[in-house]
Amino acid sequence: MAHGKSQFAVWRCGKCNTVLKTTAYNKTNNDSITKEVKKYCKKCRSHNIAKRKDAKKSS
């Protein structure tokens, strides 16, 4: 799991807005983090652009 100053991100499908994946990254080195990635969506059954939405992780 992420340690230190980390930010959680939720990847959502660009077409149907379904949550695809939740990841963590370092907030201080956020310049190299991509905001759009092409991922497979099970609901759409195709590869679409997934957009990153920053969120807080609830336990």
Protein backbone atom coordinates (compact mmCIF):
# COMPACT_ATOMS: atom_id res chain seq x y z
CA MET A 1 0.00 0.00 0.00
CA ALA A 2 1.07 3.61 -0.43
CA HIS A 3 3.16 5.24 2.29
CA GLY A 4 3.92 8.89 2.94
CA LYS A 5 2.34 11.72 0.99
CA SER A 6 0.21 9.82 -1.46
CA GLN A 7 -2.90 10.73 -3.39
CA PHE A 8 -5.48 8.19 -4.48
CA ALA A 9 -6.86 8.25 -8.00
CA VAL A 10 -9.92 6.54 -9.47
CA TRP A 11 -9.77 5.65 -13.17
CA ARG A 12 -13.18 5.94 -14.88
CA CYS A 13 -14.31 5.02 -18.39
CA GLY A 14 -14.79 8.06 -20.64
CA LYS A 15 -18.02 6.72 -22.18
CA CYS A 16 -20.00 5.01 -19.42
CA ASN A 17 -18.23 6.49 -16.33
CA THR A 18 -17.68 3.03 -14.79
CA VAL A 19 -14.86 2.73 -12.22
CA LEU A 20 -12.06 0.68 -13.79
CA LYS A 21 -9.26 0.85 -11.23
CA THR A 22 -8.08 2.66 -8.07
CA THR A 23 -4.40 3.56 -7.77
CA ALA A 24 -2.12 5.64 -5.52
CA TYR A 25 0.67 8.00 -6.50
CA ASN A 26 3.03 10.46 -4.84
CA LYS A 27 1.59 13.99 -4.73
CA THR A 28 4.97 15.71 -4.86
CA ASN A 29 6.07 14.00 -8.11
CA ASN A 30 2.74 14.50 -9.84
CA ASP A 31 4.19 16.18 -12.99
CA SER A 32 4.90 12.87 -14.76
CA ILE A 33 1.54 11.24 -13.87
CA THR A 34 -0.79 10.84 -16.83
CA LYS A 35 -4.39 12.02 -16.71
CA GLU A 36 -5.71 9.85 -19.55
CA VAL A 37 -4.94 6.21 -20.36
CA LYS A 38 -6.48 3.82 -22.83
CA LYS A 39 -8.00 0.90 -20.86
CA TYR A 40 -10.45 -1.94 -21.49
CA CYS A 41 -13.97 -1.44 -20.08
CA LYS A 42 -15.97 -4.60 -19.36
CA LYS A 43 -19.28 -2.76 -19.57
CA CYS A 44 -18.59 -1.15 -22.98
CA ARG A 45 -16.62 -4.20 -24.20
CA SER A 46 -14.02 -2.01 -25.89
CA HIS A 47 -10.83 -0.05 -25.26
CA ASN A 48 -11.70 3.53 -24.32
CA ILE A 49 -9.92 6.49 -22.82
CA ALA A 50 -10.00 6.31 -19.03
CA LYS A 51 -9.72 9.57 -17.13
CA ARG A 52 -8.14 10.04 -13.71
CA LYS A 53 -10.25 11.50 -10.90
CA ASP A 54 -8.44 12.26 -7.64
CA ALA A 55 -10.26 10.98 -4.58
CA LYS A 56 -9.87 10.20 -0.91
CA LYS A 57 -9.72 6.53 0.01
CA SER A 58 -12.29 5.58 2.64
CA SER A 59 -11.60 2.61 4.89
